C-alpha atoms as a PDB file:
ATOM      1  CA  MET A   1      99.480  83.479  63.603  1.00  0.00           C
ATOM      2  CA  ASN A   2     100.375  81.336  66.012  1.00  0.00           C
ATOM      3  CA  ALA A   3     103.646  80.100  66.768  1.00  0.00           C
ATOM      4  CA  THR A   4     103.801  76.361  67.487  1.00  0.00           C
ATOM      5  CA  HIS A   5     107.220  74.780  68.715  1.00  0.00           C
ATOM      6  CA  ARG A   6     107.999  70.940  69.644  1.00  0.00           C
ATOM      7  CA  TYR A   7     110.219  69.643  72.687  1.00  0.00           C
ATOM      8  CA  ILE A   8     111.199  66.629  73.406  1.00  0.00           C
ATOM      9  CA  CYS A   9     111.124  65.052  76.856  1.00  0.00           C
ATOM     10  CA  ASP A  10     114.750  63.195  77.568  1.00  0.00           C
ATOM     11  CA  ASP A  11     113.644  61.956  81.242  1.00  0.00           C
ATOM     12  CA  ALA A  12     110.753  61.445  83.291  1.00  0.00           C
ATOM     13  CA  GLN A  13     109.394  64.926  85.482  1.00  0.00           C
ATOM     14  CA  ARG A  14     106.655  67.025  85.542  1.00  0.00           C
ATOM     15  CA  LEU A  15     105.254  68.868  82.335  1.00  0.00           C
ATOM     16  CA  ASP A  16     104.989  72.443  83.971  1.00  0.00           C
ATOM     17  CA  THR A  17     108.775  71.825  85.577  1.00  0.00           C
ATOM     18  CA  PHE A  18     110.245  70.564  81.535  1.00  0.00           C
ATOM     19  CA  LEU A  19     108.622  73.411  79.581  1.00  0.00           C
ATOM     20  CA  ALA A  20     109.690  75.783  82.467  1.00  0.00           C
ATOM     21  CA  SER A  21     113.582  75.002  81.725  1.00  0.00           C
ATOM     22  CA  GLN A  22     112.816  74.548  77.925  1.00  0.00           C
ATOM     23  CA  ILE A  23     111.372  77.969  76.908  1.00  0.00           C
ATOM     24  CA  GLY A  24     113.104  80.220  79.659  1.00  0.00           C
ATOM     25  CA  GLN A  25     109.549  81.044  81.489  1.00  0.00           C
ATOM     26  CA  SER A  26     107.688  80.386  84.944  1.00  0.00           C
ATOM     27  CA  ARG A  27     105.977  77.437  85.848  1.00  0.00           C
ATOM     28  CA  SER A  28     103.120  79.677  86.490  1.00  0.00           C
ATOM     29  CA  GLN A  29     103.064  80.932  83.083  1.00  0.00           C
ATOM     30  CA  VAL A  30     103.496  77.743  81.714  1.00  0.00           C
ATOM     31  CA  ALA A  31     100.241  76.924  84.279  1.00  0.00           C
ATOM     32  CA  GLN A  32      98.640  79.723  82.275  1.00  0.00           C
ATOM     33  CA  LEU A  33      99.483  78.333  78.990  1.00  0.00           C
ATOM     34  CA  ILE A  34      97.887  74.843  80.127  1.00  0.00           C
ATOM     35  CA  LEU A  35      94.785  76.225  80.766  1.00  0.00           C
ATOM     36  CA  ARG A  36      94.388  78.044  78.012  1.00  0.00           C
ATOM     37  CA  GLU A  37      94.678  74.325  76.256  1.00  0.00           C
ATOM     38  CA  SER A  38      97.795  75.216  74.153  1.00  0.00           C
ATOM     39  CA  VAL A  39      99.619  72.094  75.371  1.00  0.00           C
ATOM     40  CA  LEU A  40      99.980  68.953  73.732  1.00  0.00           C
ATOM     41  CA  VAL A  41     101.371  65.559  74.751  1.00  0.00           C
ATOM     42  CA  ASP A  42     101.554  62.853  72.117  1.00  0.00           C
ATOM     43  CA  GLY A  43      99.437  64.983  70.117  1.00  0.00           C
ATOM     44  CA  LYS A  44      96.646  64.922  72.848  1.00  0.00           C
ATOM     45  CA  VAL A  45      95.678  68.605  74.778  1.00  0.00           C
ATOM     46  CA  VAL A  46      96.679  68.237  78.323  1.00  0.00           C
ATOM     47  CA  SER A  47      95.200  69.794  81.497  1.00  0.00           C
ATOM     48  CA  ARG A  48      96.970  69.407  84.671  1.00  0.00           C
ATOM     49  CA  ALA A  49     100.636  71.253  84.990  1.00  0.00           C
ATOM     50  CA  GLY A  50     101.594  68.143  87.300  1.00  0.00           C
ATOM     51  CA  VAL A  51     101.468  65.625  84.248  1.00  0.00           C
ATOM     52  CA  LYS A  52     103.999  63.439  84.368  1.00  0.00           C
ATOM     53  CA  LEU A  53     106.092  63.250  81.481  1.00  0.00           C
ATOM     54  CA  LYS A  54     107.978  60.020  79.938  1.00  0.00           C
ATOM     55  CA  GLU A  55     111.059  59.976  78.122  1.00  0.00           C
ATOM     56  CA  ASN A  56     110.841  60.356  74.637  1.00  0.00           C
ATOM     57  CA  GLN A  57     107.279  62.242  74.277  1.00  0.00           C
ATOM     58  CA  ILE A  58     106.687  64.770  71.975  1.00  0.00           C
ATOM     59  CA  ILE A  59     105.422  68.591  73.635  1.00  0.00           C
ATOM     60  CA  THR A  60     103.804  70.433  71.261  1.00  0.00           C
ATOM     61  CA  VAL A  61     103.056  74.285  72.793  1.00  0.00           C
ATOM     62  CA  ASN A  62     100.799  76.905  70.673  1.00  0.00           C
ATOM     63  CA  LEU A  63     102.248  80.321  71.585  1.00  0.00           C
ATOM     64  CA  PRO A  64      99.570  82.746  71.077  1.00  0.00           C
ATOM     65  CA  ASP A  65      99.869  86.429  69.846  1.00  0.00           C
ATOM     66  CA  MET A  66     100.596  89.213  72.177  1.00  0.00           C
ATOM     67  CA  GLN A  67      97.166  91.411  72.016  1.00  0.00           C
ATOM     68  CA  ILE A  68      98.184  94.539  72.548  1.00  0.00           C
ATOM     69  CA  SER A  69      95.879  97.441  72.962  1.00  0.00           C
ATOM     70  CA  SER A  70      96.744 101.069  72.970  1.00  0.00           C
ATOM     71  CA  PRO A  71      96.817 103.168  75.826  1.00  0.00           C
ATOM     72  CA  LEU A  72      94.785 105.710  76.979  1.00  0.00           C
ATOM     73  CA  GLU A  73      96.227 109.198  77.031  1.00  0.00           C
ATOM     74  CA  ILE A  74      97.214 110.664  80.271  1.00  0.00           C
ATOM     75  CA  ASP A  75      96.636 114.088  81.976  1.00  0.00           C
ATOM     76  CA  PHE A  76      98.186 113.160  85.416  1.00  0.00           C
ATOM     77  CA  SER A  77     102.273 112.288  86.413  1.00  0.00           C
ATOM     78  CA  VAL A  78     103.052 109.552  88.498  1.00  0.00           C
ATOM     79  CA  ALA A  79     106.679 110.479  91.082  1.00  0.00           C
ATOM     80  CA  VAL A  80     109.372 107.775  90.579  1.00  0.00           C
ATOM     81  CA  LEU A  81     110.830 106.817  94.022  1.00  0.00           C
ATOM     82  CA  TYR A  82     113.643 104.492  92.275  1.00  0.00           C
ATOM     83  CA  GLU A  83     113.829 102.630  89.547  1.00  0.00           C
ATOM     84  CA  ASP A  84     116.574 100.236  87.923  1.00  0.00           C
ATOM     85  CA  GLU A  85     116.319  97.578  85.316  1.00  0.00           C
ATOM     86  CA  ASP A  86     114.346  95.266  87.879  1.00  0.00           C
ATOM     87  CA  VAL A  87     112.121  97.295  89.588  1.00  0.00           C
ATOM     88  CA  LEU A  88     110.125 100.315  89.695  1.00  0.00           C
ATOM     89  CA  VAL A  89     109.188 101.909  92.456  1.00  0.00           C
ATOM     90  CA  ILE A  90     105.935 104.773  92.268  1.00  0.00           C
ATOM     91  CA  ASN A  91     103.819 107.298  94.293  1.00  0.00           C
ATOM     92  CA  LYS A  92     100.774 106.759  93.620  1.00  0.00           C
ATOM     93  CA  PRO A  93      98.652 109.452  93.217  1.00  0.00           C
ATOM     94  CA  SER A  94      94.885 109.425  95.142  1.00  0.00           C
ATOM     95  CA  GLY A  95      92.092 109.174  92.451  1.00  0.00           C
ATOM     96  CA  LEU A  96      94.015 107.151  90.482  1.00  0.00           C
ATOM     97  CA  THR A  97      92.883 103.499  89.133  1.00  0.00           C
ATOM     98  CA  VAL A  98      95.424 100.561  89.019  1.00  0.00           C
ATOM     99  CA  HIS A  99      93.729  98.215  86.764  1.00  0.00           C
ATOM    100  CA  PRO A 100      91.496  99.272  83.418  1.00  0.00           C
ATOM    101  CA  ALA A 101      87.696  98.067  83.587  1.00  0.00           C
ATOM    102  CA  PRO A 102      84.720  97.322  81.989  1.00  0.00           C
ATOM    103  CA  SER A 103      83.118 100.450  84.309  1.00  0.00           C
ATOM    104  CA  VAL A 104      86.713 102.743  84.333  1.00  0.00           C
ATOM    105  CA  LYS A 105      86.463 105.515  81.701  1.00  0.00           C
ATOM    106  CA  GLU A 106      90.039 107.090  82.631  1.00  0.00           C
ATOM    107  CA  ALA A 107      93.151 106.289  82.224  1.00  0.00           C
ATOM    108  CA  THR A 108      94.855 104.210  85.045  1.00  0.00           C
ATOM    109  CA  LEU A 109      97.767 103.215  86.074  1.00  0.00           C
ATOM    110  CA  VAL A 110      98.646 100.625  83.820  1.00  0.00           C
ATOM    111  CA  ASP A 111      98.127 102.957  80.825  1.00  0.00           C
ATOM    112  CA  TRP A 112     100.993 105.864  82.646  1.00  0.00           C
ATOM    113  CA  LEU A 113     102.940 101.880  82.230  1.00  0.00           C
ATOM    114  CA  LYS A 114     102.388 101.456  78.833  1.00  0.00           C
ATOM    115  CA  HIS A 115     103.587 105.148  78.073  1.00  0.00           C
ATOM    116  CA  LYS A 116     106.468 104.245  79.566  1.00  0.00           C
ATOM    117  CA  GLY A 117     107.020 101.541  77.774  1.00  0.00           C
ATOM    118  CA  ILE A 118     106.858  98.891  80.546  1.00  0.00           C
ATOM    119  CA  ARG A 119     105.324  95.307  78.890  1.00  0.00           C
ATOM    120  CA  LEU A 120     106.089  92.381  80.132  1.00  0.00           C
ATOM    121  CA  SER A 121     106.850  89.573  78.070  1.00  0.00           C
ATOM    122  CA  THR A 122     104.394  86.678  78.356  1.00  0.00           C
ATOM    123  CA  LEU A 123     103.144  83.267  76.922  1.00  0.00           C
ATOM    124  CA  SER A 124      99.071  83.201  77.553  1.00  0.00           C
ATOM    125  CA  GLY A 125      99.063  85.922  75.018  1.00  0.00           C
ATOM    126  CA  GLU A 126      97.637  88.450  77.707  1.00  0.00           C
ATOM    127  CA  GLU A 127      99.279  91.994  78.860  1.00  0.00           C
ATOM    128  CA  ARG A 128     101.101  92.403  81.891  1.00  0.00           C
ATOM    129  CA  HIS A 129     102.189  95.454  82.953  1.00  0.00           C
ATOM    130  CA  GLY A 130     104.623  94.416  85.800  1.00  0.00           C
ATOM    131  CA  ILE A 131     101.539  95.397  88.593  1.00  0.00           C
ATOM    132  CA  VAL A 132     102.620  92.902  91.638  1.00  0.00           C
ATOM    133  CA  HIS A 133     100.309  94.561  94.154  1.00  0.00           C
ATOM    134  CA  ARG A 134      97.282  97.002  94.478  1.00  0.00           C
ATOM    135  CA  LEU A 135      96.435 100.179  95.984  1.00  0.00           C
ATOM    136  CA  ASP A 136      92.492 101.448  96.172  1.00  0.00           C
ATOM    137  CA  LYS A 137      91.769 104.286  94.079  1.00  0.00           C
ATOM    138  CA  GLY A 138      91.567 106.929  96.453  1.00  0.00           C
ATOM    139  CA  THR A 139      94.764 105.292  98.619  1.00  0.00           C
ATOM    140  CA  SER A 140      98.386 107.090  97.635  1.00  0.00           C
ATOM    141  CA  GLY A 141     101.614 105.960  98.317  1.00  0.00           C
ATOM    142  CA  THR A 142     104.455 103.555  97.481  1.00  0.00           C
ATOM    143  CA  MET A 143     104.024 100.829  94.987  1.00  0.00           C
ATOM    144  CA  VAL A 144     106.600  98.416  93.492  1.00  0.00           C
ATOM    145  CA  ILE A 145     106.281  97.737  89.604  1.00  0.00           C
ATOM    146  CA  ALA A 146     107.969  95.141  88.189  1.00  0.00           C
ATOM    147  CA  LYS A 147     109.955  95.412  84.913  1.00  0.00           C
ATOM    148  CA  ASN A 148     110.840  91.627  83.882  1.00  0.00           C
ATOM    149  CA  ASN A 149     109.388  88.715  84.328  1.00  0.00           C
ATOM    150  CA  ALA A 150     111.851  87.523  86.579  1.00  0.00           C
ATOM    151  CA  SER A 151     111.444  90.500  88.761  1.00  0.00           C
ATOM    152  CA  HIS A 152     107.596  89.712  88.773  1.00  0.00           C
ATOM    153  CA  GLU A 153     107.464  86.242  90.420  1.00  0.00           C
ATOM    154  CA  PHE A 154     110.302  87.366  92.568  1.00  0.00           C
ATOM    155  CA  LEU A 155     108.373  90.122  94.017  1.00  0.00           C
ATOM    156  CA  SER A 156     104.935  88.184  93.735  1.00  0.00           C
ATOM    157  CA  SER A 157     106.368  85.398  96.227  1.00  0.00           C
ATOM    158  CA  GLN A 158     107.460  88.028  98.791  1.00  0.00           C
ATOM    159  CA  LEU A 159     103.758  88.913  99.349  1.00  0.00           C
ATOM    160  CA  GLN A 160     103.180  85.114 100.113  1.00  0.00           C
ATOM    161  CA  ASP A 161     106.115  85.001 102.286  1.00  0.00           C
ATOM    162  CA  LYS A 162     105.920  88.249 103.787  1.00  0.00           C
ATOM    163  CA  SER A 163     109.141  89.388 103.494  1.00  0.00           C
ATOM    164  CA  MET A 164     107.162  92.553 101.581  1.00  0.00           C
ATOM    165  CA  GLY A 165     105.042  94.347 103.902  1.00  0.00           C
ATOM    166  CA  ARG A 166     103.925  98.224 103.724  1.00  0.00           C
ATOM    167  CA  TYR A 167     103.538 100.370 106.735  1.00  0.00           C
ATOM    168  CA  TYR A 168     100.209 103.218 106.122  1.00  0.00           C
ATOM    169  CA  LEU A 169      99.536 106.456 107.365  1.00  0.00           C
ATOM    170  CA  ALA A 170      95.918 107.143 108.466  1.00  0.00           C
ATOM    171  CA  VAL A 171      93.542 110.150 109.758  1.00  0.00           C
ATOM    172  CA  VAL A 172      91.085 108.392 111.844  1.00  0.00           C
ATOM    173  CA  ASN A 173      88.044 109.345 113.735  1.00  0.00           C
ATOM    174  CA  PRO A 174      87.570 108.692 116.297  1.00  0.00           C
ATOM    175  CA  PRO A 175      91.017 108.332 118.777  1.00  0.00           C
ATOM    176  CA  LEU A 176      91.685 104.879 118.801  1.00  0.00           C
ATOM    177  CA  LYS A 177      91.230 103.854 122.961  1.00  0.00           C
ATOM    178  CA  GLU A 178      94.918 102.412 123.430  1.00  0.00           C
ATOM    179  CA  ASP A 179      97.990 103.304 122.645  1.00  0.00           C
ATOM    180  CA  ILE A 180      98.314  99.958 119.608  1.00  0.00           C
ATOM    181  CA  VAL A 181      95.641  97.913 118.924  1.00  0.00           C
ATOM    182  CA  ALA A 182      95.169  94.475 117.011  1.00  0.00           C
ATOM    183  CA  VAL A 183      92.535  93.004 115.085  1.00  0.00           C
ATOM    184  CA  GLU A 184      92.242  89.698 113.821  1.00  0.00           C
ATOM    185  CA  CYS A 185      89.658  88.700 111.388  1.00  0.00           C
ATOM    186  CA  PRO A 186      88.626  87.137 108.367  1.00  0.00           C
ATOM    187  CA  ILE A 187      87.936  89.531 105.446  1.00  0.00           C
ATOM    188  CA  ALA A 188      84.840  88.598 102.673  1.00  0.00           C
ATOM    189  CA  ARG A 189      82.802  90.398 100.328  1.00  0.00           C
ATOM    190  CA  SER A 190      79.639  92.187 102.204  1.00  0.00           C
ATOM    191  CA  THR A 191      76.189  90.229 101.647  1.00  0.00           C
ATOM    192  CA  HIS A 192      74.580  93.745 102.076  1.00  0.00           C
ATOM    193  CA  ASN A 193      76.346  95.831  99.767  1.00  0.00           C
ATOM    194  CA  ARG A 194      78.548  94.712  97.208  1.00  0.00           C
ATOM    195  CA  LEU A 195      81.082  97.799  97.490  1.00  0.00           C
ATOM    196  CA  LYS A 196      82.185  96.933 100.583  1.00  0.00           C
ATOM    197  CA  MET A 197      84.615  94.251 102.230  1.00  0.00           C
ATOM    198  CA  GLY A 198      83.275  93.037 105.524  1.00  0.00           C
ATOM    199  CA  CYS A 199      84.435  90.793 108.563  1.00  0.00           C
ATOM    200  CA  LEU A 200      82.612  87.431 108.087  1.00  0.00           C
ATOM    201  CA  GLU A 201      83.180  83.949 109.154  1.00  0.00           C
ATOM    202  CA  HIS A 202      83.652  82.466 105.909  1.00  0.00           C
ATOM    203  CA  GLY A 203      86.101  85.160 104.916  1.00  0.00           C
ATOM    204  CA  LYS A 204      90.506  84.979 104.284  1.00  0.00           C
ATOM    205  CA  TYR A 205      92.429  85.280 107.534  1.00  0.00           C
ATOM    206  CA  ALA A 206      93.560  88.736 108.096  1.00  0.00           C
ATOM    207  CA  LYS A 207      94.917  90.595 110.580  1.00  0.00           C
ATOM    208  CA  SER A 208      96.501  94.131 111.236  1.00  0.00           C
ATOM    209  CA  LEU A 209      97.976  96.248 114.127  1.00  0.00           C
ATOM    210  CA  PHE A 210      97.054  99.892 114.474  1.00  0.00           C
ATOM    211  CA  LYS A 211      99.464 102.378 116.141  1.00  0.00           C
ATOM    212  CA  ALA A 212      98.631 105.570 117.534  1.00  0.00           C
ATOM    213  CA  LEU A 213     100.693 108.737 116.646  1.00  0.00           C
ATOM    214  CA  ALA A 214      99.138 112.062 117.619  1.00  0.00           C
ATOM    215  CA  LEU A 215      96.198 113.297 118.141  1.00  0.00           C
ATOM    216  CA  SER A 216      94.308 116.305 116.075  1.00  0.00           C
ATOM    217  CA  LYS A 217      94.278 120.182 118.350  1.00  0.00           C
ATOM    218  CA  ASP A 218      90.554 119.329 118.793  1.00  0.00           C
ATOM    219  CA  GLU A 219      91.350 115.948 119.822  1.00  0.00           C
ATOM    220  CA  LYS A 220      88.866 115.122 117.398  1.00  0.00           C
ATOM    221  CA  ASN A 221      90.704 112.949 115.280  1.00  0.00           C
ATOM    222  CA  GLN A 222      93.613 110.947 115.446  1.00  0.00           C
ATOM    223  CA  LEU A 223      97.155 110.680 112.978  1.00  0.00           C
ATOM    224  CA  ILE A 224      97.433 106.251 113.208  1.00  0.00           C
ATOM    225  CA  ALA A 225     100.848 104.290 111.442  1.00  0.00           C
ATOM    226  CA  CYS A 226      98.838 100.791 110.088  1.00  0.00           C
ATOM    227  CA  LYS A 227     100.967  97.914 109.391  1.00  0.00           C
ATOM    228  CA  LEU A 228      99.250  94.660 107.571  1.00  0.00           C
ATOM    229  CA  PHE A 229     100.266  91.223 108.225  1.00  0.00           C
ATOM    230  CA  THR A 230      97.823  90.122 105.195  1.00  0.00           C
ATOM    231  CA  GLY A 231      96.733  91.836 102.192  1.00  0.00           C
ATOM    232  CA  ARG A 232      93.257  91.432 101.691  1.00  0.00           C
ATOM    233  CA  THR A 233      90.971  94.104  99.814  1.00  0.00           C
ATOM    234  CA  HIS A 234      89.909  96.864 101.924  1.00  0.00           C
ATOM    235  CA  GLN A 235      91.619  95.528 104.944  1.00  0.00           C
ATOM    236  CA  ILE A 236      92.283  98.473 106.874  1.00  0.00           C
ATOM    237  CA  ARG A 237      89.066  99.762 106.415  1.00  0.00           C
ATOM    238  CA  VAL A 238      87.504  96.649 107.294  1.00  0.00           C
ATOM    239  CA  HIS A 239      89.046  95.695 110.390  1.00  0.00           C
ATOM    240  CA  LEU A 240      88.946  99.576 111.647  1.00  0.00           C
ATOM    241  CA  GLU A 241      85.048  99.565 111.063  1.00  0.00           C
ATOM    242  CA  LYS A 242      85.204  96.121 112.926  1.00  0.00           C
ATOM    243  CA  ILE A 243      86.073  98.836 116.566  1.00  0.00           C
ATOM    244  CA  ASN A 244      84.163 101.858 115.506  1.00  0.00           C
ATOM    245  CA  ARG A 245      86.613 103.447 113.924  1.00  0.00           C
ATOM    246  CA  HIS A 246      87.006 105.403 110.082  1.00  0.00           C
ATOM    247  CA  ILE A 247      89.432 107.186 107.939  1.00  0.00           C
ATOM    248  CA  VAL A 248      88.477 110.651 107.359  1.00  0.00           C
ATOM    249  CA  GLY A 249      87.383 111.236 103.446  1.00  0.00           C
ATOM    250  CA  ASP A 250      86.305 107.456 103.586  1.00  0.00           C
ATOM    251  CA  HIS A 251      82.275 107.732 102.470  1.00  0.00           C
ATOM    252  CA  ILE A 252      82.050 104.238 101.772  1.00  0.00           C
ATOM    253  CA  TYR A 253      82.885 103.164 105.317  1.00  0.00           C
ATOM    254  CA  ALA A 254      82.286 106.191 107.169  1.00  0.00           C
ATOM    255  CA  GLN A 255      79.978 105.875 110.055  1.00  0.00           C
ATOM    256  CA  SER A 256      78.161 109.016 109.819  1.00  0.00           C
ATOM    257  CA  PRO A 257      77.653 111.182 106.964  1.00  0.00           C
ATOM    258  CA  LYS A 258      77.654 114.014 109.670  1.00  0.00           C
ATOM    259  CA  LEU A 259      81.218 113.378 110.083  1.00  0.00           C
ATOM    260  CA  GLU A 260      83.795 115.125 108.815  1.00  0.00           C
ATOM    261  CA  LYS A 261      84.584 115.497 104.864  1.00  0.00           C
ATOM    262  CA  SER A 262      87.926 115.584 103.258  1.00  0.00           C
ATOM    263  CA  GLU A 263      88.255 115.812  99.507  1.00  0.00           C
ATOM    264  CA  ARG A 264      90.390 112.593  99.470  1.00  0.00           C
ATOM    265  CA  ILE A 265      90.510 109.074 101.977  1.00  0.00           C
ATOM    266  CA  LEU A 266      92.990 109.830 104.046  1.00  0.00           C
ATOM    267  CA  LEU A 267      94.804 106.885 103.697  1.00  0.00           C
ATOM    268  CA  HIS A 268      98.292 106.456 102.394  1.00  0.00           C
ATOM    269  CA  ALA A 269     100.730 103.973 101.455  1.00  0.00           C
ATOM    270  CA  TYR A 270     104.103 105.749 103.503  1.00  0.00           C
ATOM    271  CA  SER A 271     106.765 103.154 103.162  1.00  0.00           C
ATOM    272  CA  ILE A 272     107.536  99.713 101.554  1.00  0.00           C
ATOM    273  CA  TYR A 273     110.048  96.991 101.962  1.00  0.00           C
ATOM    274  CA  PHE A 274     111.029  94.188  99.887  1.00  0.00           C
ATOM    275  CA  ILE A 275     113.989  91.879  98.983  1.00  0.00           C
ATOM    276  CA  HIS A 276     115.664  93.052  95.771  1.00  0.00           C
ATOM    277  CA  PRO A 277     115.171  90.404  93.095  1.00  0.00           C
ATOM    278  CA  THR A 278     118.711  90.981  91.703  1.00  0.00           C
ATOM    279  CA  THR A 279     120.678  91.777  94.775  1.00  0.00           C
ATOM    280  CA  ARG A 280     118.434  89.618  96.942  1.00  0.00           C
ATOM    281  CA  GLU A 281     118.997  92.438  99.851  1.00  0.00           C
ATOM    282  CA  GLU A 282     116.361  94.234 101.708  1.00  0.00           C
ATOM    283  CA  VAL A 283     115.641  97.952 100.409  1.00  0.00           C
ATOM    284  CA  SER A 284     112.730 100.155 101.606  1.00  0.00           C
ATOM    285  CA  PHE A 285     111.125 103.280  99.857  1.00  0.00           C
ATOM    286  CA  THR A 286     108.935 106.292 101.965  1.00  0.00           C
ATOM    287  CA  ALA A 287     106.419 108.156  99.787  1.00  0.00           C
ATOM    288  CA  PRO A 288     105.831 111.942 101.139  1.00  0.00           C
ATOM    289  CA  LEU A 289     102.062 112.779 101.449  1.00  0.00           C
ATOM    290  CA  ASP A 290     100.295 114.634  98.765  1.00  0.00           C
ATOM    291  CA  VAL A 291      99.303 118.233  99.082  1.00  0.00           C
ATOM    292  CA  ALA A 292      95.754 117.510 100.088  1.00  0.00           C
ATOM    293  CA  MET A 293      96.929 115.127 102.861  1.00  0.00           C
ATOM    294  CA  GLY A 294      99.749 117.465 103.821  1.00  0.00           C
ATOM    295  CA  GLU A 295      97.618 120.662 104.133  1.00  0.00           C
ATOM    296  CA  TYR A 296      94.843 118.749 106.390  1.00  0.00           C
ATOM    297  CA  ILE A 297      97.192 117.492 108.487  1.00  0.00           C
ATOM    298  CA  GLU A 298      99.263 120.906 108.981  1.00  0.00           C
ATOM    299  CA  LYS A 299      95.772 122.425 109.735  1.00  0.00           C
ATOM    300  CA  LYS A 300      94.432 119.849 112.234  1.00  0.00           C
ATOM    301  CA  PHE A 301      97.342 118.886 113.905  1.00  0.00           C
ATOM    302  CA  ASP A 302     100.249 120.792 116.286  1.00  0.00           C
ATOM    303  CA  MET A 303     103.194 120.358 113.661  1.00  0.00           C
ATOM    304  CA  GLU A 304     105.747 120.645 116.352  1.00  0.00           C
ATOM    305  CA  GLN A 305     106.747 117.554 116.948  1.00  0.00           C
ATOM    306  CA  MET A 306     105.405 115.950 113.606  1.00  0.00           C
ATOM    307  CA  ASP A 307     108.251 115.886 111.853  1.00  0.00           C
ATOM    308  CA  GLU A 308     109.687 112.971 114.940  1.00  0.00           C
ATOM    309  CA  THR A 309     106.194 111.739 115.097  1.00  0.00           C
ATOM    310  CA  MET A 310     106.304 110.806 111.309  1.00  0.00           C
ATOM    311  CA  ASP A 311     109.192 109.477 110.960  1.00  0.00           C
ATOM    312  CA  VAL A 312     109.913 106.014 109.507  1.00  0.00           C
ATOM    313  CA  ASN A 313     112.140 104.660 111.769  1.00  0.00           C
ATOM    314  CA  ASN A 314     110.321 105.583 114.897  1.00  0.00           C
ATOM    315  CA  ILE A 315     106.921 103.861 113.317  1.00  0.00           C
ATOM    316  CA  ILE A 316     109.018 100.752 111.936  1.00  0.00           C
ATOM    317  CA  ARG A 317     110.193 100.399 116.212  1.00  0.00           C
ATOM    318  CA  SER A 318     107.123 101.173 117.520  1.00  0.00           C
ATOM    319  CA  PHE A 319     105.542  97.935 115.911  1.00  0.00           C
ATOM    320  CA  ALA A 320     108.784  96.186 116.836  1.00  0.00           C
ATOM    321  CA  THR A 321     107.496  94.211 120.203  1.00  0.00           C
ATOM    322  CA  TYR A 322     104.334  93.224 118.273  1.00  0.00           C
ATOM    323  CA  SER A 323     103.380  90.219 115.934  1.00  0.00           C
END
């Protein structure tokens, strides 16, 4: 049964601001309650978070019961890079889907988080498991998970103000024409293939930088680093396609079915940085490559200088003069 709470406004202020302070939740969570028509002012349902309250008005909130679904059984492991009371930083395996969906039959990262006991409190009754940002199924690497509502709100805001970011590694074909390449074009769903995104005029602004790191021994492929200034779906793959490059193992954006194959797309979220929700200090974490991507690089590239080439600090410095 839904729980009902009543509050009396003591001075004129916005509805969402008032309820956020009374319930101890964020304004965005309050907004979700309002969208569900769970908030009444003087007995009438309100539909706008910015409604201006008057003194002595009565606000009624109907909190829906939490809808909890059982997790699927998991047969995989996820490496934990760091964990405290506020955040969990993981190295997501390639082939693991982040969110459940009707088309997804296997266990997801959310199922793993359920088994781990990470369930955020919510006012809307919907399950939340601290997912702040996503990685495509085939992409491996760093992800940060929020372990409480305050951390979730704080980390999510960093996606907007760009104080959170990641550096990626990818193996591409053919090599870049220049040492560093900037690509700036809007991204939207492809009108020809619903599985793909594309550079389209009506899309959302997107900007990427690609930095050449090392040529393969046969000089056909190249290890590159990628820095994103925005976080659009398939952004790295779309922007590489824009300059007629593709990631080895990417069968959706591949230029030709005859190109070199890999058991996984060779794209890895190598390093993540963000401001910690509690300490307010910048922290960063680096995720080692998995066996498949590591073995591919060892086979195709001269490993003599690779430790220095893949040093995270060197990669970050190489982007420092570009914006």
